[in-house]
Amino acid sequence: MSQSTPHKKLNELEATAICGNDISSSCLYVSALAIAHAGQYAWVALLVVGAVLFLFRRIYGEVVGALPLNGGAYNVLLNTTSKRNAAVAACLTILSYMATAVISASEAMHYLHTLWHGLPIILATILLLGFFLLLTILGISESAVVAVGIFVLHLFSLTLLVGVTGWYLFTHGLDTLVANWHVPLKGSLSSALFLGFSAAMLGISGFESSANFVEEQARGVFQKTLRNMWVVVTVFNPLLAFLAIAALPLVEVGEHTETLLSHLGNRTGGPWLATLISVDAVAVLSGAVLTSFVGVSGLMKRMALDRILPQFFLKENKRCSNYIILITFFLLCLSVLLITNGELGPLAGVYTISFLSVMAFFALGNFLLKRKRPKLPRPVYAGLLTVALALLGVLTALYGNIRMRPDYLIVFLQYFLPTLLVVSVMLNRTGILNLVLAAAESFAKHSPRISRLTQLSIRRQLRELHRQEFVFFTKGDNVSNLNKVMAYVVENEFTNRLKIVTLLKEGETYPEALLTDIRVLDRAYEQIVVDFVTLDGHFGPELIDQLSKEWNIPKNFMFIGSPGDRFPYGISELGGVRLII
């Protein structure tokens, strides 16, 4: 009898390549941005960025180690606080993905332009985004083999550029470095380092990527991806900035912001090295675009399943791709590209504000995890001082970016606020529908037929929202915990039906006090119909699968309390079951 082959998990190299292509692509443009603000001290600012990222290694390690589920900041806030707070983090993540796709596609075409000078950059950027839209609609996601190939080529190209530039400096001397070192700064040294650090934080964008596909990684791989990404950006970003300052006059850096490394390669190695860097840039930046399409599809699907986004986003084609999500994302990318006209500055500003906000939410989520889920086992622990310093670093960089270019904040808000508005409408749609229903009833005298049809439609929608059942598994929790469950459902969900399930061993009976508590809460929360169910069996992934199919209730609509150290299963094995107390 044949057995099904288990799904292969990503190993360290494959997982590092997928997220590494995203974060290491910033090496291609972050040096120019840092030099523009910190001048000859840009490499110092980039070293400080590496120090902040080192702190976030432990923060991400603790949070994702305790809650090893896809979704990043959205996931941790969903399991430690309200759905509304999680939705804000999700909106920021979507905006971060959108900026990632646009800036990566634009930068890729700028590097390709160095090889083909007649290339229309804006049109080519649109075509590249459209190409990956078609690929993802066809069901073609990241191939680990292709990702590894791109990543290895990228590391080889950067290493070769460092080696060639080092040899160039050895043979040509350090006159350019000395001259640049005496160029006066625009302001004080502290101001230059502050602004340079703020701009250089763009160099760690993509660090959150690994947390968005942790379920596809083999056991123990996630921690290694964090370490590997930190090593890549902490070594290459400061080193490349220093080499650019040593080999190129600062004025040339400003003239080649979009293609600095290609220009550096041309100066130190010749056209062949510039061509290699350009080809590498096109490949790795295109890989980052693909990562954005795949990542945002998974996140928005999760949000739609949690009823934060409209249900039509869940429509799939024959290849199981959520094509409406992908098309919507493409149109958003297209709009931000046209509004900014493909300029790196505004794109980087929107990018930086969005992903820094996501990292700030992740740090806040770590604080919440310590307070609300202290019993969850975790492989590493980030001390309170570590989390506080990391959060301070992110907030400082966020303030610095907004201070440098307040107009970038306007562009950011033009996308964040409408996205937040759509999500807010979805989260409050029962109240909105009841308001519309009341208005329709008041207009019944003027247009009775239209009013009646409107009322029927609204009542049908309300019934659809309310009839979805939720499940809470309990071992006989006290009335305080059960009250928290009821309050969570009332505040965060549209349902008026809740199953409270307790599992009994053979010959065991449920405690009478539990039934008494449930009856009290059933009367206290009149808007919720409580169904108390007792089952014989053992709680675990198999039971969850069985009940989900039998009751037609998605696993993300099933809740449990926070498990302790002796819980025999990992949270990821439960298929998306939520922790709510």
Protein backbone atom coordinates (compact mmCIF):
# COMPACT_ATOMS: atom_id res chain seq x y z
CA MET A 1 0.00 0.00 0.00
CA SER A 2 1.44 3.36 -1.02
CA GLN A 3 1.91 6.10 1.52
CA SER A 4 1.63 9.82 0.89
CA THR A 5 4.92 11.64 0.80
CA PRO A 6 5.17 14.28 3.56
CA HIS A 7 5.54 17.87 2.43
CA LYS A 8 9.24 18.72 2.21
CA LYS A 9 10.29 21.55 4.50
CA LEU A 10 12.83 24.14 3.43
CA ASN A 11 16.39 23.64 4.66
CA GLU A 12 18.67 26.41 5.91
CA LEU A 13 20.09 27.38 2.52
CA GLU A 14 16.72 27.37 0.76
CA ALA A 15 14.96 29.38 3.47
CA THR A 16 17.87 31.82 3.77
CA ALA A 17 17.90 32.29 0.00
CA ILE A 18 14.19 33.14 -0.18
CA CYS A 19 14.28 35.77 2.57
CA GLY A 20 17.91 36.69 1.87
CA ASN A 21 17.15 37.76 -1.70
CA ASP A 22 14.74 40.29 -0.23
CA ILE A 23 16.93 41.81 2.49
CA SER A 24 20.24 41.57 0.61
CA SER A 25 18.78 43.37 -2.41
CA SER A 26 18.93 46.52 -0.27
CA CYS A 27 22.74 46.36 -0.59
CA LEU A 28 22.26 47.68 -4.12
CA TYR A 29 20.86 51.05 -3.07
CA VAL A 30 21.15 51.61 0.68
CA SER A 31 24.80 52.75 0.53
CA ALA A 32 23.90 55.65 -1.75
CA LEU A 33 21.03 56.70 0.54
CA ALA A 34 23.22 56.57 3.65
CA ILE A 35 26.06 58.51 1.96
CA ALA A 36 23.60 61.19 0.83
CA HIS A 37 22.85 62.01 4.49
CA ALA A 38 25.93 60.93 6.46
CA GLY A 39 28.60 61.54 3.82
CA GLN A 40 31.92 59.91 4.65
CA TYR A 41 30.46 58.54 7.90
CA ALA A 42 27.77 56.46 6.18
CA TRP A 43 29.52 53.20 7.03
CA VAL A 44 29.29 54.08 10.74
CA ALA A 45 25.54 54.63 10.42
CA LEU A 46 25.22 51.27 8.69
CA LEU A 47 27.13 49.56 11.50
CA VAL A 48 24.63 51.03 14.00
CA VAL A 49 21.84 49.59 11.83
CA GLY A 50 23.53 46.19 12.13
CA ALA A 51 23.55 46.58 15.93
CA VAL A 52 19.80 47.31 15.97
CA LEU A 53 19.18 44.30 13.74
CA PHE A 54 21.17 42.14 16.17
CA LEU A 55 18.64 43.05 18.88
CA PHE A 56 15.75 42.16 16.59
CA ARG A 57 17.25 38.71 16.02
CA ARG A 58 16.27 37.79 19.58
CA ILE A 59 12.92 39.57 19.40
CA TYR A 60 11.86 37.72 16.26
CA GLY A 61 13.38 34.51 17.61
CA GLU A 62 11.30 34.65 20.78
CA VAL A 63 8.01 35.66 19.15
CA VAL A 64 8.12 33.26 16.20
CA GLY A 65 9.61 30.52 18.37
CA ALA A 66 6.59 30.78 20.68
CA LEU A 67 4.06 31.26 17.84
CA PRO A 68 5.56 29.51 14.79
CA LEU A 69 2.79 30.51 12.39
CA ASN A 70 2.90 32.50 9.18
CA GLY A 71 1.82 36.13 9.34
CA GLY A 72 4.58 38.00 11.18
CA ALA A 73 3.38 41.00 13.19
CA TYR A 74 -0.25 40.29 12.25
CA ASN A 75 -0.01 36.81 13.74
CA VAL A 76 1.55 37.84 17.05
CA LEU A 77 -0.95 40.66 17.63
CA LEU A 78 -3.86 38.42 16.64
CA ASN A 79 -2.80 35.95 19.35
CA THR A 80 -2.00 38.51 22.05
CA THR A 81 -4.43 41.38 21.55
CA SER A 82 -7.54 42.34 19.57
CA LYS A 83 -8.24 41.68 15.92
CA ARG A 84 -8.38 45.43 15.31
CA ASN A 85 -4.80 45.94 16.46
CA ALA A 86 -3.68 43.00 14.35
CA ALA A 87 -5.48 44.53 11.36
CA VAL A 88 -3.46 47.76 11.68
CA ALA A 89 -0.20 45.76 11.57
CA ALA A 90 -1.54 43.82 8.58
CA CYS A 91 -2.29 47.06 6.70
CA LEU A 92 1.25 48.27 7.33
CA THR A 93 2.63 44.92 6.15
CA ILE A 94 0.61 45.12 2.93
CA LEU A 95 1.93 48.62 2.32
CA SER A 96 5.45 47.37 3.03
CA TYR A 97 5.02 44.59 0.47
CA MET A 98 3.67 47.09 -2.04
CA ALA A 99 6.62 49.42 -1.59
CA THR A 100 8.99 46.44 -1.74
CA ALA A 101 7.60 45.35 -5.08
CA VAL A 102 7.69 48.83 -6.61
CA ILE A 103 11.13 49.87 -5.39
CA SER A 104 12.66 46.50 -6.30
CA ALA A 105 11.13 46.49 -9.78
CA SER A 106 12.15 50.11 -10.37
CA GLU A 107 15.71 49.50 -9.17
CA ALA A 108 15.98 46.37 -11.33
CA MET A 109 15.05 48.37 -14.41
CA HIS A 110 17.50 51.15 -13.49
CA TYR A 111 20.29 48.57 -13.43
CA LEU A 112 19.04 47.05 -16.69
CA HIS A 113 19.12 50.55 -18.16
CA THR A 114 22.90 50.56 -17.70
CA LEU A 115 23.01 47.64 -20.14
CA TRP A 116 20.32 48.92 -22.51
CA HIS A 117 20.33 52.70 -22.56
CA GLY A 118 17.19 52.92 -24.68
CA LEU A 119 15.08 51.14 -22.05
CA PRO A 120 12.00 53.16 -20.97
CA ILE A 121 12.32 52.65 -17.21
CA ILE A 122 8.73 53.37 -16.09
CA LEU A 123 7.19 51.22 -18.83
CA ALA A 124 9.70 48.45 -18.19
CA THR A 125 8.89 48.56 -14.44
CA ILE A 126 5.18 48.20 -15.21
CA LEU A 127 5.89 45.26 -17.52
CA LEU A 128 8.05 43.56 -14.87
CA LEU A 129 5.29 43.92 -12.27
CA GLY A 130 2.80 42.60 -14.81
CA PHE A 131 5.07 39.65 -15.58
CA PHE A 132 5.13 38.55 -11.95
CA LEU A 133 1.39 39.14 -11.70
CA LEU A 134 0.87 36.63 -14.51
CA LEU A 135 3.35 34.17 -13.00
CA THR A 136 1.66 34.18 -9.60
CA ILE A 137 -1.83 33.96 -11.15
CA LEU A 138 -0.62 30.88 -13.01
CA GLY A 139 0.38 29.42 -9.68
CA ILE A 140 4.14 29.76 -10.05
CA SER A 141 5.58 30.82 -6.67
CA GLU A 142 9.16 30.95 -5.49
CA SER A 143 11.20 27.95 -6.44
CA ALA A 144 13.74 27.18 -3.75
CA VAL A 145 16.22 26.06 -6.39
CA VAL A 146 15.91 29.32 -8.35
CA ALA A 147 16.06 31.35 -5.12
CA VAL A 148 19.27 29.58 -4.10
CA GLY A 149 20.80 30.23 -7.54
CA ILE A 150 20.00 33.94 -7.37
CA PHE A 151 21.26 34.21 -3.78
CA VAL A 152 24.55 32.46 -4.52
CA LEU A 153 25.08 34.65 -7.62
CA HIS A 154 24.35 37.73 -5.52
CA LEU A 155 26.80 36.83 -2.77
CA PHE A 156 29.44 35.94 -5.35
CA SER A 157 28.94 39.25 -7.18
CA LEU A 158 29.13 41.31 -3.98
CA THR A 159 32.20 39.41 -2.77
CA LEU A 160 33.88 39.88 -6.16
CA LEU A 161 33.06 43.61 -6.12
CA VAL A 162 34.58 43.93 -2.64
CA GLY A 163 37.71 42.07 -3.72
CA VAL A 164 38.19 44.02 -6.96
CA THR A 165 37.58 47.36 -5.23
CA GLY A 166 40.01 46.42 -2.48
CA TRP A 167 42.67 45.62 -5.10
CA TYR A 168 41.88 48.89 -6.91
CA LEU A 169 42.48 50.85 -3.71
CA PHE A 170 45.68 48.91 -3.02
CA THR A 171 47.07 49.77 -6.47
CA HIS A 172 45.71 53.32 -6.86
CA GLY A 173 46.11 54.61 -3.33
CA LEU A 174 43.68 56.28 -0.94
CA ASP A 175 43.73 59.82 -2.29
CA THR A 176 39.97 59.78 -2.97
CA LEU A 177 39.23 58.56 0.56
CA VAL A 178 41.41 61.29 2.06
CA ALA A 179 39.73 63.93 -0.10
CA ASN A 180 36.24 62.69 0.80
CA TRP A 181 37.18 62.57 4.48
CA HIS A 182 37.83 66.31 4.46
CA VAL A 183 34.57 67.24 2.70
CA PRO A 184 32.57 69.34 5.18
CA LEU A 185 29.33 67.84 6.42
CA LYS A 186 26.01 69.60 5.83
CA GLY A 187 25.51 69.89 9.58
CA SER A 188 27.01 68.52 12.77
CA LEU A 189 28.45 65.01 13.00
CA SER A 190 25.67 63.89 15.34
CA SER A 191 23.01 65.21 12.95
CA ALA A 192 24.69 63.50 9.99
CA LEU A 193 24.87 60.17 11.83
CA PHE A 194 21.25 60.48 12.99
CA LEU A 195 19.94 61.19 9.48
CA GLY A 196 22.28 58.62 7.94
CA PHE A 197 21.10 55.99 10.43
CA SER A 198 17.46 56.82 9.68
CA ALA A 199 17.97 56.47 5.93
CA ALA A 200 20.18 53.39 6.35
CA MET A 201 17.45 51.49 8.21
CA LEU A 202 16.12 50.76 4.73
CA GLY A 203 18.99 48.26 4.61
CA ILE A 204 17.16 45.81 6.91
CA SER A 205 13.86 45.86 5.05
CA GLY A 206 12.93 42.29 4.37
CA PHE A 207 14.10 40.99 7.75
CA GLU A 208 10.49 40.14 8.51
CA SER A 209 10.18 37.97 5.38
CA SER A 210 11.30 34.77 7.10
CA ALA A 211 8.52 35.11 9.70
CA ASN A 212 5.95 35.08 6.90
CA PHE A 213 6.80 31.54 5.74
CA VAL A 214 8.07 29.94 8.96
CA GLU A 215 5.60 27.04 8.62
CA GLU A 216 7.36 25.96 5.43
CA GLN A 217 10.76 25.78 7.14
CA ALA A 218 12.27 22.69 8.78
CA ARG A 219 12.61 22.61 12.55
CA GLY A 220 15.35 24.94 13.81
CA VAL A 221 15.86 26.67 10.45
CA PHE A 222 14.12 29.94 11.32
CA GLN A 223 16.71 30.99 13.91
CA LYS A 224 19.48 30.30 11.39
CA THR A 225 17.82 32.47 8.72
CA LEU A 226 17.80 35.39 11.19
CA ARG A 227 21.49 34.89 11.89
CA ASN A 228 22.39 34.55 8.21
CA MET A 229 20.46 37.66 7.17
CA TRP A 230 22.09 39.65 9.97
CA VAL A 231 25.57 38.55 8.87
CA VAL A 232 24.94 39.48 5.21
CA VAL A 233 23.70 43.02 5.84
CA THR A 234 26.08 43.77 8.73
CA VAL A 235 29.10 42.78 6.66
CA PHE A 236 28.25 43.96 3.16
CA ASN A 237 26.31 47.19 3.76
CA PRO A 238 28.97 49.05 5.83
CA LEU A 239 31.80 47.56 3.77
CA LEU A 240 30.33 48.58 0.42
CA ALA A 241 29.58 52.08 1.70
CA PHE A 242 33.17 52.46 2.92
CA LEU A 243 34.59 51.18 -0.38
CA ALA A 244 32.37 53.54 -2.36
CA ILE A 245 33.62 56.47 -0.25
CA ALA A 246 37.20 55.32 -0.74
CA ALA A 247 36.97 54.87 -4.52
CA LEU A 248 34.47 57.50 -5.72
CA PRO A 249 34.21 61.26 -5.14
CA LEU A 250 31.11 61.98 -3.07
CA VAL A 251 29.64 64.05 -5.88
CA GLU A 252 29.63 60.96 -8.12
CA VAL A 253 27.74 59.00 -5.51
CA GLY A 254 24.93 61.52 -5.68
CA GLU A 255 24.88 61.32 -9.47
CA HIS A 256 24.54 57.51 -9.48
CA THR A 257 22.13 56.91 -6.59
CA GLU A 258 20.05 54.28 -8.39
CA THR A 259 23.03 52.32 -9.80
CA LEU A 260 25.86 53.06 -7.37
CA LEU A 261 27.33 49.55 -7.20
CA SER A 262 27.34 49.16 -10.97
CA HIS A 263 29.15 52.50 -11.29
CA LEU A 264 31.60 51.42 -8.56
CA GLY A 265 32.25 48.19 -10.46
CA ASN A 266 32.85 50.08 -13.68
CA ARG A 267 35.32 52.40 -11.97
CA THR A 268 37.30 49.71 -10.13
CA GLY A 269 37.05 46.68 -12.44
CA GLY A 270 35.84 47.89 -15.78
CA PRO A 271 32.74 47.27 -17.94
CA TRP A 272 32.75 43.49 -17.30
CA LEU A 273 32.27 43.99 -13.55
CA ALA A 274 29.65 46.69 -14.09
CA THR A 275 27.78 44.29 -16.37
CA LEU A 276 27.97 41.46 -13.82
CA ILE A 277 26.67 43.73 -11.04
CA SER A 278 23.83 44.93 -13.28
CA VAL A 279 22.82 41.38 -14.24
CA ASP A 280 22.99 40.33 -10.58
CA ALA A 281 20.93 43.35 -9.56
CA VAL A 282 18.21 42.60 -12.09
CA ALA A 283 18.03 38.99 -10.88
CA VAL A 284 18.01 39.60 -7.12
CA LEU A 285 15.66 42.59 -7.29
CA SER A 286 13.28 40.62 -9.48
CA GLY A 287 13.39 37.88 -6.86
CA ALA A 288 12.34 40.45 -4.26
CA VAL A 289 9.36 41.42 -6.47
CA LEU A 290 8.26 37.79 -6.62
CA THR A 291 8.63 37.50 -2.84
CA SER A 292 6.27 40.47 -2.45
CA PHE A 293 3.56 38.98 -4.67
CA VAL A 294 3.73 35.60 -2.93
CA GLY A 295 3.92 37.10 0.57
CA VAL A 296 1.05 39.54 0.16
CA SER A 297 -1.15 36.82 -1.34
CA GLY A 298 -0.70 34.65 1.75
CA LEU A 299 -1.25 37.55 4.17
CA MET A 300 -4.38 38.91 2.48
CA LYS A 301 -5.82 35.41 2.17
CA ARG A 302 -5.32 34.94 5.92
CA MET A 303 -7.04 38.29 6.54
CA ALA A 304 -9.96 37.31 4.31
CA LEU A 305 -10.29 33.98 6.14
CA ASP A 306 -10.40 35.95 9.40
CA ARG A 307 -13.14 38.14 7.80
CA ILE A 308 -11.00 41.28 7.96
CA LEU A 309 -11.05 41.61 4.15
CA PRO A 310 -13.96 40.90 1.77
CA GLN A 311 -14.71 37.25 1.11
CA PHE A 312 -14.48 37.62 -2.68
CA PHE A 313 -10.69 37.88 -2.20
CA LEU A 314 -10.81 34.13 -1.49
CA LYS A 315 -11.87 33.26 -5.04
CA GLU A 316 -9.35 30.95 -6.70
CA ASN A 317 -8.62 29.91 -10.26
CA LYS A 318 -7.93 26.35 -11.39
CA ARG A 319 -4.33 26.67 -10.17
CA CYS A 320 -5.51 27.63 -6.65
CA SER A 321 -4.21 31.21 -6.95
CA ASN A 322 -6.17 34.04 -5.31
CA TYR A 323 -6.22 36.08 -8.51
CA ILE A 324 -8.37 38.94 -7.15
CA ILE A 325 -5.82 39.56 -4.39
CA LEU A 326 -2.96 39.52 -6.89
CA ILE A 327 -4.69 41.85 -9.37
CA THR A 328 -5.60 44.28 -6.56
CA PHE A 329 -2.00 44.27 -5.35
CA PHE A 330 -0.71 44.90 -8.88
CA LEU A 331 -3.04 47.89 -9.32
CA LEU A 332 -1.90 49.35 -5.99
CA CYS A 333 1.74 48.93 -7.04
CA LEU A 334 0.99 50.55 -10.38
CA SER A 335 -0.62 53.56 -8.73
CA VAL A 336 2.25 54.21 -6.30
CA LEU A 337 4.74 53.87 -9.16
CA LEU A 338 2.92 56.48 -11.24
CA ILE A 339 2.39 58.85 -8.30
CA THR A 340 6.10 58.81 -7.37
CA ASN A 341 7.18 58.62 -11.05
CA GLY A 342 9.57 55.83 -10.09
CA GLU A 343 11.81 58.12 -8.03
CA LEU A 344 13.88 56.24 -5.44
CA GLY A 345 13.52 58.86 -2.70
CA PRO A 346 9.71 58.87 -2.26
CA LEU A 347 9.57 55.10 -2.82
CA ALA A 348 12.23 54.53 -0.17
CA GLY A 349 10.41 56.90 2.18
CA VAL A 350 7.10 55.03 1.88
CA TYR A 351 8.97 51.73 2.13
CA THR A 352 10.89 52.76 5.23
CA ILE A 353 7.90 54.21 7.11
CA SER A 354 5.79 51.12 6.49
CA PHE A 355 8.31 48.42 7.35
CA LEU A 356 9.70 50.33 10.35
CA SER A 357 6.16 50.57 11.68
CA VAL A 358 5.77 46.81 11.21
CA MET A 359 9.00 46.19 13.16
CA ALA A 360 7.79 48.52 15.92
CA PHE A 361 4.57 46.50 16.14
CA PHE A 362 6.65 43.33 16.33
CA ALA A 363 8.58 44.71 19.30
CA LEU A 364 5.32 45.71 20.97
CA GLY A 365 4.01 42.23 20.24
CA ASN A 366 7.02 40.82 22.08
CA PHE A 367 6.09 42.84 25.17
CA LEU A 368 2.50 41.58 24.94
CA LEU A 369 3.68 38.00 24.50
CA LYS A 370 5.74 38.21 27.70
CA ARG A 371 2.76 39.55 29.66
CA LYS A 372 -0.12 37.57 28.18
CA ARG A 373 1.53 34.29 27.13
CA PRO A 374 4.30 33.76 29.70
CA LYS A 375 3.81 29.96 29.77
CA LEU A 376 4.36 29.44 26.05
CA PRO A 377 7.66 27.63 25.47
CA ARG A 378 10.16 29.62 23.38
CA PRO A 379 13.66 28.68 22.15
CA VAL A 380 15.19 32.10 22.93
CA TYR A 381 14.28 34.96 25.22
CA ALA A 382 14.79 38.66 24.52
CA GLY A 383 15.30 40.65 27.70
CA LEU A 384 13.15 43.70 28.38
CA LEU A 385 16.15 46.00 27.86
CA THR A 386 16.86 44.36 24.49
CA VAL A 387 13.28 44.88 23.31
CA ALA A 388 13.18 48.45 24.64
CA LEU A 389 16.44 49.43 22.89
CA ALA A 390 15.33 47.84 19.62
CA LEU A 391 11.98 49.64 19.77
CA LEU A 392 13.76 52.92 20.56
CA GLY A 393 16.05 52.41 17.55
CA VAL A 394 13.12 51.79 15.20
CA LEU A 395 11.12 54.75 16.51
CA THR A 396 14.19 56.99 16.20
CA ALA A 397 14.65 55.95 12.59
CA LEU A 398 10.94 56.45 11.93
CA TYR A 399 11.08 59.97 13.34
CA GLY A 400 14.24 60.70 11.37
CA ASN A 401 12.71 59.67 8.07
CA ILE A 402 9.59 61.74 8.65
CA ARG A 403 11.70 64.70 9.72
CA MET A 404 13.88 64.50 6.60
CA ARG A 405 10.99 64.43 4.17
CA PRO A 406 7.55 65.16 5.63
CA ASP A 407 6.11 64.91 2.12
CA TYR A 408 6.95 61.19 2.10
CA LEU A 409 4.59 60.81 5.05
CA ILE A 410 1.81 62.28 2.92
CA VAL A 411 2.42 59.68 0.19
CA PHE A 412 2.45 56.97 2.85
CA LEU A 413 -0.83 58.17 4.36
CA GLN A 414 -2.46 58.32 0.92
CA TYR A 415 -2.27 54.53 0.87
CA PHE A 416 -2.33 53.59 4.53
CA LEU A 417 -5.50 55.50 5.43
CA PRO A 418 -7.69 54.11 2.59
CA THR A 419 -6.45 50.59 3.38
CA LEU A 420 -7.22 51.13 7.06
CA LEU A 421 -10.64 52.54 6.12
CA VAL A 422 -11.54 49.42 4.12
CA VAL A 423 -10.43 47.19 7.00
CA SER A 424 -12.33 49.33 9.54
CA VAL A 425 -15.51 49.04 7.47
CA MET A 426 -15.07 45.26 7.34
CA LEU A 427 -14.49 45.02 11.09
CA ASN A 428 -17.54 47.18 11.86
CA ARG A 429 -19.83 46.02 9.10
CA THR A 430 -22.51 44.61 11.40
CA GLY A 431 -22.95 48.03 12.99
CA ILE A 432 -22.91 49.69 9.56
CA LEU A 433 -25.45 47.20 8.19
CA ASN A 434 -27.74 47.75 11.20
CA LEU A 435 -27.46 51.51 10.65
CA VAL A 436 -28.39 51.12 6.97
CA LEU A 437 -31.23 48.80 7.98
CA ALA A 438 -32.61 51.44 10.35
CA ALA A 439 -32.36 54.06 7.59
CA ALA A 440 -34.18 51.75 5.16
CA GLU A 441 -36.99 51.22 7.67
CA SER A 442 -37.35 54.98 8.17
CA PHE A 443 -37.73 55.50 4.40
CA ALA A 444 -40.35 52.75 4.08
CA LYS A 445 -43.15 55.30 3.74
CA HIS A 446 -41.59 56.97 0.69
CA SER A 447 -40.38 53.91 -1.26
CA PRO A 448 -41.91 50.80 0.33
CA ARG A 449 -40.82 48.34 -2.40
CA ILE A 450 -37.18 49.53 -2.54
CA SER A 451 -37.05 49.71 1.25
CA ARG A 452 -38.42 46.17 1.58
CA LEU A 453 -35.85 44.76 -0.88
CA THR A 454 -33.06 46.63 0.87
CA GLN A 455 -34.14 45.32 4.26
CA LEU A 456 -34.29 41.74 2.97
CA SER A 457 -30.80 42.04 1.49
CA ILE A 458 -29.31 43.50 4.66
CA ARG A 459 -30.98 40.94 6.94
CA ARG A 460 -29.65 38.15 4.71
CA GLN A 461 -26.12 39.55 5.00
CA LEU A 462 -26.46 39.85 8.78
CA ARG A 463 -27.65 36.24 9.03
CA GLU A 464 -24.64 35.12 7.00
CA LEU A 465 -22.29 36.95 9.36
CA HIS A 466 -23.96 35.75 12.55
CA ARG A 467 -24.43 32.09 11.70
CA GLN A 468 -20.69 31.27 11.52
CA GLU A 469 -19.92 29.19 14.60
CA PHE A 470 -16.78 29.49 16.70
CA VAL A 471 -15.28 26.87 19.01
CA PHE A 472 -13.48 27.16 22.34
CA PHE A 473 -11.76 24.10 23.78
CA THR A 474 -11.75 24.05 27.58
CA LYS A 475 -10.47 21.70 30.26
CA GLY A 476 -12.87 23.12 32.84
CA ASP A 477 -11.69 26.73 33.01
CA ASN A 478 -12.97 28.95 35.78
CA VAL A 479 -15.68 31.49 35.14
CA SER A 480 -13.12 34.30 34.78
CA ASN A 481 -11.44 32.65 31.79
CA LEU A 482 -14.77 31.74 30.20
CA ASN A 483 -15.87 35.34 30.62
CA LYS A 484 -12.72 36.48 28.77
CA VAL A 485 -13.61 34.14 25.92
CA MET A 486 -17.14 35.51 25.66
CA ALA A 487 -15.89 39.11 25.81
CA TYR A 488 -13.30 38.39 23.09
CA VAL A 489 -15.94 36.93 20.77
CA VAL A 490 -18.31 39.88 21.33
CA GLU A 491 -15.57 42.46 20.74
CA ASN A 492 -13.77 40.81 17.80
CA GLU A 493 -16.22 38.60 15.90
CA PHE A 494 -19.61 38.93 14.22
CA THR A 495 -20.94 35.56 15.31
CA ASN A 496 -23.75 34.90 17.77
CA ARG A 497 -22.96 31.18 18.07
CA LEU A 498 -20.22 29.62 20.18
CA LYS A 499 -19.46 25.99 20.93
CA ILE A 500 -17.67 25.36 24.22
CA VAL A 501 -16.06 21.95 23.96
CA THR A 502 -14.57 19.87 26.75
CA LEU A 503 -12.87 16.52 26.17
CA LEU A 504 -13.38 13.64 28.57
CA LYS A 505 -11.36 10.54 29.19
CA GLU A 506 -13.07 7.17 29.39
CA GLY A 507 -15.36 7.07 32.43
CA GLU A 508 -14.80 10.76 33.20
CA THR A 509 -17.63 13.29 33.61
CA TYR A 510 -17.52 17.03 33.28
CA PRO A 511 -17.59 19.09 36.49
CA GLU A 512 -21.01 20.48 37.37
CA ALA A 513 -19.42 23.84 38.20
CA LEU A 514 -18.40 24.21 34.54
CA LEU A 515 -21.98 23.78 33.33
CA THR A 516 -23.18 26.25 35.98
CA ASP A 517 -20.61 28.83 34.85
CA ILE A 518 -21.62 28.41 31.21
CA ARG A 519 -25.31 28.90 32.08
CA VAL A 520 -24.48 32.10 33.96
CA LEU A 521 -22.45 33.47 31.03
CA ASP A 522 -25.13 32.40 28.55
CA ARG A 523 -27.57 34.66 30.40
CA ALA A 524 -25.03 37.47 30.75
CA TYR A 525 -24.21 37.52 27.03
CA GLU A 526 -27.69 37.38 25.54
CA GLN A 527 -26.40 38.08 22.02
CA ILE A 528 -24.48 34.79 21.93
CA VAL A 529 -26.05 31.33 21.79
CA VAL A 530 -23.76 28.97 23.69
CA ASP A 531 -23.66 25.27 22.85
CA PHE A 532 -21.88 23.11 25.44
CA VAL A 533 -20.42 19.94 23.92
CA THR A 534 -18.65 17.04 25.63
CA LEU A 535 -16.59 14.60 23.57
CA ASP A 536 -14.59 11.52 24.30
CA GLY A 537 -11.10 11.82 22.91
CA HIS A 538 -7.68 13.40 23.11
CA PHE A 539 -7.01 17.00 22.08
CA GLY A 540 -4.58 17.27 19.18
CA PRO A 541 -4.19 17.99 15.45
CA GLU A 542 -6.21 14.91 14.43
CA LEU A 543 -9.22 15.93 16.51
CA ILE A 544 -9.06 19.49 15.22
CA ASP A 545 -9.01 18.22 11.62
CA GLN A 546 -11.94 15.92 12.32
CA LEU A 547 -14.12 18.55 14.00
CA SER A 548 -13.26 21.21 11.43
CA LYS A 549 -14.56 18.96 8.63
CA GLU A 550 -17.50 17.56 10.60
CA TRP A 551 -18.77 20.94 11.82
CA ASN A 552 -17.63 22.93 8.77
CA ILE A 553 -15.77 25.39 10.99
CA PRO A 554 -12.38 26.76 9.81
CA LYS A 555 -9.50 26.06 12.18
CA ASN A 556 -8.79 29.77 12.59
CA PHE A 557 -12.26 30.05 14.14
CA MET A 558 -11.24 27.64 16.90
CA PHE A 559 -9.77 29.00 20.16
CA ILE A 560 -7.71 27.59 23.01
CA GLY A 561 -6.12 29.01 26.12
CA SER A 562 -2.37 29.51 26.27
CA PRO A 563 -0.72 26.05 26.66
CA GLY A 564 2.07 25.38 29.14
CA ASP A 565 5.49 23.79 28.88
CA ARG A 566 4.08 20.26 28.98
CA PHE A 567 1.78 20.72 25.99
CA PRO A 568 2.76 17.86 23.61
CA TYR A 569 2.17 19.75 20.35
CA GLY A 570 3.67 22.80 18.73
CA ILE A 571 1.30 25.69 18.02
CA SER A 572 2.04 25.34 14.29
CA GLU A 573 0.77 21.73 14.36
CA LEU A 574 -2.74 22.88 15.30
CA GLY A 575 -3.37 24.42 11.87
CA GLY A 576 -4.03 28.04 12.84
CA VAL A 577 -6.03 27.59 16.07
CA ARG A 578 -6.01 30.92 17.93
CA LEU A 579 -4.81 31.67 21.47
CA ILE A 580 -7.18 34.08 23.18
CA ILE A 581 -6.58 33.75 26.95
